[in-house]
């Protein structure tokens, strides 16, 4: 009989070793750890992150995991949640675009928490992170789930559970049960990303990461989960209405050492250059380029953003996007993000403060911002994440700028120095130059680390 997908995933996760990874993959994992820790420390004091931390601080664990920025050890699933909130909240961590978009570095909170709780070394952590990226991205390639009313973080239940099981060194049977438990109770509703957005938009995957760790903890203790979770009579495929059979072909064991080697999907993901929803990144770049030609913004009569279907459907169609009342709505608004780039000449955390996105003058400007679908740009997606920004001036001229591959895209990668610059911009104001440099130094040497304690402790926010 053909093995179920859960069996194939479990075999893959249990067989994968650091030595199987190509050096490019190892290097990219280090870049994502730096990027994710920067996002986490940058957003550390934001309200949802503080709430998650406050709840997690009520619990202690002898063999637990540290809440980033503190010296407190909480159960690893709670650490995955609290740290995941911080990594994700600024909407500044990395992205993968496919049939279903995702932010695969969301898995890093689960991997870090588990690695610390089981005393895993740096090489084991790197392998688990690469595994999580591989699983989530392959699922995103297989089928879109948002049309079913499910949030993209649903796929993360499988990837975070597998990364956790790998670090716990579970056998294939227990790993499969971790996948089954994660899947049967891990479906998240897409309502998290519609209308006026709440805190939950930025913490939905953190909850999934917590669930992935929790599922593996239960499986490690002997808990069994319902299977086959994908192919079963009432399983994942039945609910989705799409077969995921081809996914299993990507998780063959033994590994093929062709291309970039096993667990190399991380190389196809993109780092954000601006703290906003990824489909807007090329619009930001285009708007900033046009701003130099415009000069006086009072000359602007109208802005027309031509975009691809995914961007329009996710961040450019609901009326709330033209009058954002929460940070979560503002950083998921194509019209606002593009307009504020034209108005302010920058897109940073300041542009997502309430006094900025609620400014009556900004809302007035947004009345003359339109979003239109462009069939050509849609045909290029997800290979390209293209936007065209047209600015109509009072003198009758139209200025136009098109960007297909924004800075940080997998086809327009940031240099290591640029990844570091992003990290320092987020972290230096919080903990100072020297301590920020120490985190980066430790992350670049992660494959030599005997554990993750030193890296975690270097992130202490208050001494």
Protein backbone atom coordinates (compact mmCIF):
# COMPACT_ATOMS: atom_id res chain seq x y z
CA UNK A 1 0.00 0.00 0.00
CA UNK A 2 1.10 3.56 -0.68
CA UNK A 3 2.18 5.35 2.46
CA UNK A 4 -0.10 8.08 3.72
CA UNK A 5 1.14 11.66 3.53
CA UNK A 6 1.57 11.76 7.31
CA UNK A 7 3.80 8.67 7.10
CA UNK A 8 5.88 10.31 4.38
CA UNK A 9 6.24 13.54 6.33
CA UNK A 10 7.24 11.66 9.46
CA UNK A 11 9.84 9.58 7.61
CA UNK A 12 11.29 12.72 6.04
CA UNK A 13 11.45 14.61 9.33
CA UNK A 14 13.10 11.73 11.15
CA UNK A 15 15.67 11.08 8.42
CA UNK A 16 16.80 14.67 7.82
CA UNK A 17 20.19 15.60 9.26
CA UNK A 18 22.30 18.74 9.24
CA UNK A 19 24.83 17.01 7.00
CA UNK A 20 22.14 16.66 4.33
CA UNK A 21 21.73 20.43 4.01
CA UNK A 22 23.64 22.36 1.37
CA UNK A 23 25.72 25.27 2.67
CA UNK A 24 23.42 27.78 0.96
CA UNK A 25 20.49 26.48 3.00
CA UNK A 26 22.43 26.67 6.26
CA UNK A 27 23.50 30.22 5.50
CA UNK A 28 19.94 31.27 4.65
CA UNK A 29 18.60 29.83 7.91
CA UNK A 30 21.08 31.99 9.81
CA UNK A 31 19.88 35.05 7.89
CA UNK A 32 16.29 34.27 8.83
CA UNK A 33 17.17 33.80 12.50
CA UNK A 34 18.79 37.25 12.48
CA UNK A 35 15.82 38.74 10.66
CA UNK A 36 13.26 37.11 12.96
CA UNK A 37 15.02 38.09 16.18
CA UNK A 38 15.22 41.64 14.86
CA UNK A 39 11.48 41.67 14.21
CA UNK A 40 10.80 40.18 17.65
CA UNK A 41 12.91 42.66 19.59
CA UNK A 42 11.65 45.55 17.50
CA UNK A 43 8.04 44.72 18.35
CA UNK A 44 8.72 43.58 21.92
CA UNK A 45 6.81 46.41 23.61
CA UNK A 46 3.82 46.41 21.27
CA UNK A 47 0.51 45.75 23.04
CA UNK A 48 -0.30 42.23 21.72
CA UNK A 49 3.28 41.11 22.44
CA UNK A 50 3.08 42.50 25.96
CA UNK A 51 -0.26 40.76 26.49
CA UNK A 52 1.11 37.41 25.32
CA UNK A 53 4.18 37.85 27.50
CA UNK A 54 2.08 38.75 30.55
CA UNK A 55 0.01 35.59 30.17
CA UNK A 56 3.05 33.38 29.57
CA UNK A 57 4.90 34.86 32.57
CA UNK A 58 2.23 33.39 34.85
CA UNK A 59 3.61 29.92 34.10
CA UNK A 60 7.00 28.45 34.93
CA UNK A 61 8.70 25.25 33.84
CA UNK A 62 11.83 23.51 35.09
CA UNK A 63 12.66 22.30 31.58
CA UNK A 64 10.95 25.14 29.81
CA UNK A 65 11.94 27.81 27.35
CA UNK A 66 12.81 31.46 27.73
CA UNK A 67 10.42 34.22 26.76
CA UNK A 68 12.54 36.40 24.49
CA UNK A 69 13.65 39.58 26.23
CA UNK A 70 13.31 38.07 29.72
CA UNK A 71 15.06 35.55 31.96
CA UNK A 72 11.80 33.70 32.62
CA UNK A 73 11.29 30.10 31.51
CA UNK A 74 7.76 29.05 30.67
CA UNK A 75 6.45 25.80 29.13
CA UNK A 76 7.82 25.55 25.58
CA UNK A 77 4.42 25.86 23.93
CA UNK A 78 3.78 29.14 25.78
CA UNK A 79 7.25 30.39 24.83
CA UNK A 80 6.48 29.56 21.20
CA UNK A 81 3.32 31.65 21.48
CA UNK A 82 4.84 34.67 23.24
CA UNK A 83 7.91 34.75 21.01
CA UNK A 84 5.86 34.07 17.91
CA UNK A 85 3.69 37.10 18.62
CA UNK A 86 6.79 39.29 18.69
CA UNK A 87 8.33 37.83 15.53
CA UNK A 88 5.14 38.33 13.55
CA UNK A 89 3.48 41.43 14.92
CA UNK A 90 5.22 44.12 12.87
CA UNK A 91 4.39 42.19 9.68
CA UNK A 92 8.09 42.47 8.90
CA UNK A 93 9.19 38.83 8.87
CA UNK A 94 9.72 36.88 5.68
CA UNK A 95 7.23 35.65 3.10
CA UNK A 96 6.56 32.86 0.65
CA UNK A 97 4.15 33.44 -2.23
CA UNK A 98 2.39 30.58 -3.97
CA UNK A 99 -1.15 29.26 -4.29
CA UNK A 100 -1.35 30.14 -0.60
CA UNK A 101 0.89 32.90 0.81
CA UNK A 102 2.73 32.31 4.07
CA UNK A 103 5.29 33.70 6.51
CA UNK A 104 7.44 30.61 7.12
CA UNK A 105 9.73 32.27 9.67
CA UNK A 106 6.70 32.12 11.97
CA UNK A 107 7.90 28.55 12.62
CA UNK A 108 11.11 29.82 14.21
CA UNK A 109 9.43 30.56 17.54
CA UNK A 110 8.40 26.91 17.86
CA UNK A 111 11.85 25.68 16.84
CA UNK A 112 13.70 28.02 19.23
CA UNK A 113 11.46 27.16 22.18
CA UNK A 114 11.77 23.43 21.61
CA UNK A 115 15.53 23.54 20.98
CA UNK A 116 16.07 25.24 24.31
CA UNK A 117 13.78 22.87 26.21
CA UNK A 118 15.55 19.73 24.92
CA UNK A 119 19.10 21.20 24.91
CA UNK A 120 19.45 20.86 21.15
CA UNK A 121 22.57 22.26 19.51
CA UNK A 122 22.73 24.88 16.80
CA UNK A 123 22.98 22.39 13.96
CA UNK A 124 19.85 20.60 15.12
CA UNK A 125 18.00 23.91 15.35
CA UNK A 126 19.09 24.90 11.83
CA UNK A 127 17.89 21.56 10.47
CA UNK A 128 14.50 21.87 12.19
CA UNK A 129 13.99 25.38 10.80
CA UNK A 130 14.87 24.26 7.26
CA UNK A 131 12.44 21.35 7.69
CA UNK A 132 9.62 23.67 8.78
CA UNK A 133 10.17 25.94 5.79
CA UNK A 134 10.16 22.94 3.47
CA UNK A 135 6.88 21.57 4.79
CA UNK A 136 4.92 24.81 4.94
CA UNK A 137 6.09 26.02 1.51
CA UNK A 138 5.33 22.66 -0.14
CA UNK A 139 1.80 22.77 1.23
CA UNK A 140 1.39 26.32 -0.02
CA UNK A 141 2.43 25.10 -3.47
CA UNK A 142 -0.15 22.31 -3.36
CA UNK A 143 -3.39 24.20 -2.74
CA UNK A 144 -4.89 27.50 -1.66
CA UNK A 145 -6.98 27.25 1.48
CA UNK A 146 -8.20 30.83 1.93
CA UNK A 147 -11.02 30.25 -0.59
CA UNK A 148 -12.33 27.62 1.84
CA UNK A 149 -12.42 30.23 4.59
CA UNK A 150 -9.25 28.89 6.21
CA UNK A 151 -6.29 31.03 7.21
CA UNK A 152 -2.84 30.28 5.80
CA UNK A 153 -1.53 29.52 9.29
CA UNK A 154 -3.43 26.22 9.09
CA UNK A 155 -0.54 24.73 7.12
CA UNK A 156 1.79 25.87 9.89
CA UNK A 157 0.28 23.38 12.30
CA UNK A 158 1.97 20.60 10.33
CA UNK A 159 5.29 22.39 9.81
CA UNK A 160 5.70 23.52 13.42
CA UNK A 161 4.72 20.09 14.77
CA UNK A 162 7.26 18.38 12.50
CA UNK A 163 10.04 20.80 13.42
CA UNK A 164 9.28 20.23 17.09
CA UNK A 165 9.14 16.45 16.71
CA UNK A 166 12.47 16.52 14.89
CA UNK A 167 14.13 18.42 17.74
CA UNK A 168 12.59 16.06 20.28
CA UNK A 169 14.05 13.15 18.28
CA UNK A 170 10.68 11.40 18.15
CA UNK A 171 10.51 8.19 16.15
CA UNK A 172 8.41 8.04 12.95
CA UNK A 173 5.36 6.67 14.77
CA UNK A 174 5.25 9.42 17.39
CA UNK A 175 6.10 12.04 14.78
CA UNK A 176 3.13 10.90 12.70
CA UNK A 177 0.86 11.19 15.72
CA UNK A 178 2.16 14.72 16.34
CA UNK A 179 1.14 15.55 12.75
CA UNK A 180 -2.28 13.95 13.27
CA UNK A 181 -2.95 15.83 16.51
CA UNK A 182 -1.76 19.11 15.02
CA UNK A 183 -3.90 18.69 11.94
CA UNK A 184 -7.17 17.60 13.50
CA UNK A 185 -7.32 20.61 15.82
CA UNK A 186 -5.30 23.15 13.87
CA UNK A 187 -7.69 24.66 11.30
CA UNK A 188 -7.78 28.45 11.61
CA UNK A 189 -10.51 30.69 10.20
CA UNK A 190 -9.72 33.29 7.54
CA UNK A 191 -11.88 35.78 9.42
CA UNK A 192 -8.63 36.77 11.14
CA UNK A 193 -7.72 38.72 7.99
CA UNK A 194 -10.96 40.27 6.79
CA UNK A 195 -12.63 43.61 7.50
CA UNK A 196 -11.20 45.78 10.30
CA UNK A 197 -8.29 43.72 11.55
CA UNK A 198 -7.59 42.97 15.21
CA UNK A 199 -4.53 41.96 17.22
CA UNK A 200 -5.22 38.37 16.19
CA UNK A 201 -4.05 39.04 12.62
CA UNK A 202 -0.51 39.37 13.95
CA UNK A 203 -0.63 36.53 16.46
CA UNK A 204 -2.62 33.85 14.62
CA UNK A 205 0.47 31.85 13.69
CA UNK A 206 1.88 32.24 17.18
CA UNK A 207 -1.15 30.28 18.34
CA UNK A 208 -0.47 27.72 15.62
CA UNK A 209 3.17 27.46 16.70
CA UNK A 210 2.03 26.87 20.26
CA UNK A 211 -0.35 24.18 19.01
CA UNK A 212 2.42 22.51 16.99
CA UNK A 213 4.68 22.31 20.03
CA UNK A 214 1.80 21.14 22.22
CA UNK A 215 0.93 18.39 19.72
CA UNK A 216 4.50 17.10 19.73
CA UNK A 217 4.65 17.21 23.52
CA UNK A 218 1.53 15.04 23.69
CA UNK A 219 2.83 12.64 21.07
CA UNK A 220 6.14 12.35 22.92
CA UNK A 221 4.22 11.27 26.02
CA UNK A 222 2.35 8.61 24.04
CA UNK A 223 -0.82 10.39 22.94
CA UNK A 224 -2.15 9.10 19.61
CA UNK A 225 -3.92 11.20 17.02
CA UNK A 226 -6.58 10.36 14.40
CA UNK A 227 -5.39 9.20 11.05
CA UNK A 228 -5.13 9.22 8.19
CA UNK A 229 -5.34 12.95 8.84
CA UNK A 230 -5.07 13.91 5.16
CA UNK A 231 -6.71 11.08 3.21
CA UNK A 232 -9.31 9.99 5.77
CA UNK A 233 -13.08 9.92 5.24
CA UNK A 234 -13.42 13.22 7.11
CA UNK A 235 -9.79 14.27 6.77
CA UNK A 236 -7.99 17.36 5.53
CA UNK A 237 -8.35 16.57 1.83
CA UNK A 238 -12.08 15.89 2.17
CA UNK A 239 -12.63 19.25 3.84
CA UNK A 240 -10.37 21.07 1.40
CA UNK A 241 -11.84 19.41 -1.67
CA UNK A 242 -8.35 18.99 -3.16
CA UNK A 243 -5.99 16.02 -3.22
CA UNK A 244 -2.57 16.65 -1.68
CA UNK A 245 -1.14 13.45 -3.10
CA UNK A 246 1.59 15.22 -5.07
CA UNK A 247 2.97 16.76 -1.89
CA UNK A 248 4.23 13.39 -0.75
CA UNK A 249 6.47 13.12 -3.81
CA UNK A 250 8.45 16.06 -2.47
CA UNK A 251 9.27 14.21 0.75
CA UNK A 252 10.94 11.12 -0.63
CA UNK A 253 13.53 9.29 1.46
CA UNK A 254 16.44 8.79 0.78
CA UNK A 255 17.02 12.37 -0.30
CA UNK A 256 17.98 13.42 -3.79
CA UNK A 257 21.04 15.65 -3.73
CA UNK A 258 20.03 17.52 -6.86
CA UNK A 259 19.47 21.24 -7.22
CA UNK A 260 19.86 22.90 -3.84
CA UNK A 261 19.51 19.64 -1.95
CA UNK A 262 16.87 18.53 0.58
CA UNK A 263 14.89 21.03 2.66
CA UNK A 264 15.92 23.91 0.41
CA UNK A 265 12.58 25.70 -0.06
CA UNK A 266 13.85 28.46 2.21
CA UNK A 267 15.91 29.67 -0.76
CA UNK A 268 12.68 30.52 -2.59
CA UNK A 269 11.29 32.72 0.18
CA UNK A 270 11.66 36.49 0.47
CA UNK A 271 12.77 38.91 3.18
CA UNK A 272 10.73 42.07 3.68
CA UNK A 273 12.40 45.42 3.20
CA UNK A 274 9.43 47.40 4.56
CA UNK A 275 7.18 46.54 7.56
CA UNK A 276 4.00 45.92 5.58
CA UNK A 277 2.07 43.07 3.97
CA UNK A 278 4.24 41.51 1.28
CA UNK A 279 2.00 42.09 -1.71
CA UNK A 280 2.48 45.83 -1.16
CA UNK A 281 6.28 45.76 -1.17
CA UNK A 282 6.67 46.51 -4.88
CA UNK A 283 4.06 49.30 -4.62
CA UNK A 284 6.08 50.92 -1.83
CA UNK A 285 9.24 50.74 -3.91
CA UNK A 286 7.45 52.21 -6.93
CA UNK A 287 5.84 55.00 -4.88
CA UNK A 288 9.14 56.01 -3.30
CA UNK A 289 10.77 56.15 -6.74
CA UNK A 290 7.98 58.36 -8.09
CA UNK A 291 8.08 60.70 -5.11
CA UNK A 292 11.39 62.14 -6.29
CA UNK A 293 9.77 63.09 -9.60
CA UNK A 294 6.63 64.58 -8.03
CA UNK A 295 8.23 67.00 -5.62
CA UNK A 296 5.28 68.88 -4.13
CA UNK A 297 2.61 66.27 -3.26
CA UNK A 298 -0.10 68.93 -3.49
CA UNK A 299 0.28 68.49 -7.25
CA UNK A 300 -1.14 64.95 -6.99
CA UNK A 301 -4.67 64.72 -8.35
CA UNK A 302 -5.13 60.93 -8.26
CA UNK A 303 -3.21 57.72 -7.59
CA UNK A 304 -4.09 54.53 -9.43
CA UNK A 305 -2.49 51.29 -8.28
CA UNK A 306 -2.57 48.47 -10.81
CA UNK A 307 -2.08 45.18 -9.04
CA UNK A 308 -2.41 41.41 -9.28
CA UNK A 309 -5.45 39.50 -8.06
CA UNK A 310 -3.89 38.22 -4.83
CA UNK A 311 -2.98 41.73 -3.71
CA UNK A 312 -6.39 43.14 -4.60
CA UNK A 313 -8.24 40.32 -2.86
CA UNK A 314 -6.13 40.35 0.30
CA UNK A 315 -5.22 44.01 0.87
CA UNK A 316 -6.97 46.14 -1.73
CA UNK A 317 -10.71 45.59 -1.89
CA UNK A 318 -12.44 46.16 1.47
CA UNK A 319 -13.65 49.69 2.34
CA UNK A 320 -11.82 49.52 5.69
CA UNK A 321 -8.54 49.70 3.77
CA UNK A 322 -9.30 53.32 2.83
CA UNK A 323 -9.95 54.39 6.44
CA UNK A 324 -7.74 52.18 8.61
CA UNK A 325 -8.54 52.36 12.30
CA UNK A 326 -6.04 49.79 13.59
CA UNK A 327 -2.37 49.12 12.91
CA UNK A 328 -3.30 45.67 11.65
CA UNK A 329 -5.63 47.17 9.03
CA UNK A 330 -3.11 49.85 8.03
CA UNK A 331 -0.27 47.41 7.36
CA UNK A 332 -2.69 45.27 5.34
CA UNK A 333 -3.99 48.14 3.22
CA UNK A 334 -2.53 48.52 -0.28
CA UNK A 335 -4.01 52.02 -0.72
CA UNK A 336 -2.76 53.27 2.65
CA UNK A 337 0.73 51.78 2.37
CA UNK A 338 1.22 53.19 -1.13
CA UNK A 339 -0.23 56.59 -0.23
CA UNK A 340 1.85 56.99 2.91
CA UNK A 341 5.00 56.15 0.95
CA UNK A 342 4.14 59.01 -1.42
CA UNK A 343 3.24 61.39 1.41
CA UNK A 344 6.00 60.66 3.93
CA UNK A 345 8.78 59.36 1.70
CA UNK A 346 9.33 56.39 3.99
CA UNK A 347 7.54 53.34 5.37
CA UNK A 348 8.69 52.53 8.89
CA UNK A 349 7.06 51.76 12.21
CA UNK A 350 6.15 55.46 12.49
CA UNK A 351 3.75 55.18 9.56
CA UNK A 352 1.75 52.58 11.50
CA UNK A 353 1.22 54.63 14.62
CA UNK A 354 -2.46 55.61 15.22
CA UNK A 355 -1.79 59.32 14.95
CA UNK A 356 -0.46 58.73 11.43
CA UNK A 357 -2.88 56.29 9.87
CA UNK A 358 -5.89 58.07 11.45
CA UNK A 359 -4.76 61.51 10.29
CA UNK A 360 -7.76 63.22 8.57
CA UNK A 361 -5.46 64.60 5.87
CA UNK A 362 -4.25 61.11 5.07
CA UNK A 363 -7.83 59.82 4.87
CA UNK A 364 -8.64 62.75 2.57
CA UNK A 365 -5.71 61.82 0.33
CA UNK A 366 -6.93 58.21 0.25
CA UNK A 367 -10.22 59.33 -1.29
CA UNK A 368 -8.28 59.82 -4.52
CA UNK A 369 -6.45 56.48 -4.42
CA UNK A 370 -7.82 53.68 -6.58
CA UNK A 371 -6.87 50.01 -6.86
CA UNK A 372 -7.38 48.21 -10.16
CA UNK A 373 -6.75 44.64 -11.28
CA UNK A 374 -4.16 44.08 -13.99
CA UNK A 375 -4.45 40.78 -15.86
CA UNK A 376 -0.81 40.78 -16.96
CA UNK A 377 0.46 41.25 -13.41
CA UNK A 378 -1.90 38.51 -12.21
CA UNK A 379 -0.49 36.13 -14.81
CA UNK A 380 3.03 36.66 -13.43
CA UNK A 381 2.05 35.81 -9.85
CA UNK A 382 3.46 34.19 -7.72
CA UNK A 383 6.76 34.23 -9.62
CA UNK A 384 6.58 38.03 -9.50
CA UNK A 385 4.75 40.22 -6.98
CA UNK A 386 4.25 43.15 -9.32
CA UNK A 387 2.56 46.51 -8.82
CA UNK A 388 2.27 49.55 -11.08
CA UNK A 389 1.78 52.91 -9.39
CA UNK A 390 0.35 55.70 -11.54
CA UNK A 391 0.29 59.25 -10.23
CA UNK A 392 -1.89 61.75 -12.08
CA UNK A 393 -0.77 65.35 -11.59
CA UNK A 394 -2.80 68.53 -11.72
CA UNK A 395 -0.97 69.62 -14.89
CA UNK A 396 -2.31 66.57 -16.76
CA UNK A 397 0.84 64.45 -16.63
CA UNK A 398 0.80 60.83 -15.50
CA UNK A 399 3.90 59.44 -13.81
CA UNK A 400 4.20 55.66 -13.80
CA UNK A 401 6.52 53.19 -12.09
CA UNK A 402 6.37 49.39 -12.22
CA UNK A 403 8.23 47.00 -9.90
CA UNK A 404 8.07 43.22 -10.33
CA UNK A 405 10.66 42.00 -7.81
CA UNK A 406 10.94 44.32 -4.80
CA UNK A 407 14.03 44.54 -2.63
CA UNK A 408 14.36 41.36 -0.58
CA UNK A 409 12.48 39.17 -3.07
CA UNK A 410 14.01 35.75 -3.70
CA UNK A 411 14.99 37.07 -7.17
CA UNK A 412 16.30 40.34 -5.76
CA UNK A 413 17.89 39.18 -2.51
CA UNK A 414 19.15 41.44 0.21
CA UNK A 415 22.87 41.26 0.87
CA UNK A 416 23.97 39.93 4.25
CA UNK A 417 24.95 43.48 5.18
CA UNK A 418 21.42 44.69 4.35
CA UNK A 419 19.89 41.96 6.52
CA UNK A 420 22.14 43.14 9.33
CA UNK A 421 21.22 46.79 8.71
CA UNK A 422 17.53 45.92 9.03
CA UNK A 423 18.26 44.06 12.28
CA UNK A 424 20.27 46.94 13.74
CA UNK A 425 17.62 49.50 12.80
CA UNK A 426 15.06 47.48 14.77
CA UNK A 427 17.21 46.45 17.72
CA UNK A 428 19.87 49.14 18.28
CA UNK A 429 17.39 51.63 19.81
CA UNK A 430 16.19 48.93 22.22
CA UNK A 431 19.42 47.41 23.56
CA UNK A 432 22.33 49.39 22.13
CA UNK A 433 25.00 48.80 19.52
CA UNK A 434 27.27 46.32 21.29
CA UNK A 435 24.57 43.96 22.49
CA UNK A 436 22.90 44.04 19.08
CA UNK A 437 26.20 43.11 17.45
CA UNK A 438 26.61 40.20 19.85
CA UNK A 439 23.27 38.70 18.76
CA UNK A 440 24.27 38.92 15.12
CA UNK A 441 27.68 37.39 15.87
CA UNK A 442 26.11 34.46 17.69
CA UNK A 443 23.54 33.89 14.94
CA UNK A 444 26.20 33.72 12.22
CA UNK A 445 27.97 31.03 14.28
CA UNK A 446 24.80 29.10 15.10
CA UNK A 447 26.08 25.93 13.44
CA UNK A 448 28.96 25.89 15.94
CA UNK A 449 26.80 26.42 19.03
CA UNK A 450 26.43 23.63 21.57
CA UNK A 451 23.04 25.04 22.53
CA UNK A 452 20.81 28.06 22.02
CA UNK A 453 20.98 29.46 25.56
CA UNK A 454 23.66 32.06 24.81
CA UNK A 455 21.75 33.39 21.80
CA UNK A 456 18.47 33.58 23.75
CA UNK A 457 20.09 35.26 26.74
CA UNK A 458 21.78 37.82 24.46
CA UNK A 459 18.25 39.02 23.60
CA UNK A 460 17.51 40.14 27.15
CA UNK A 461 15.69 43.49 26.88
CA UNK A 462 16.02 44.70 30.48
CA UNK A 463 19.05 44.18 32.68
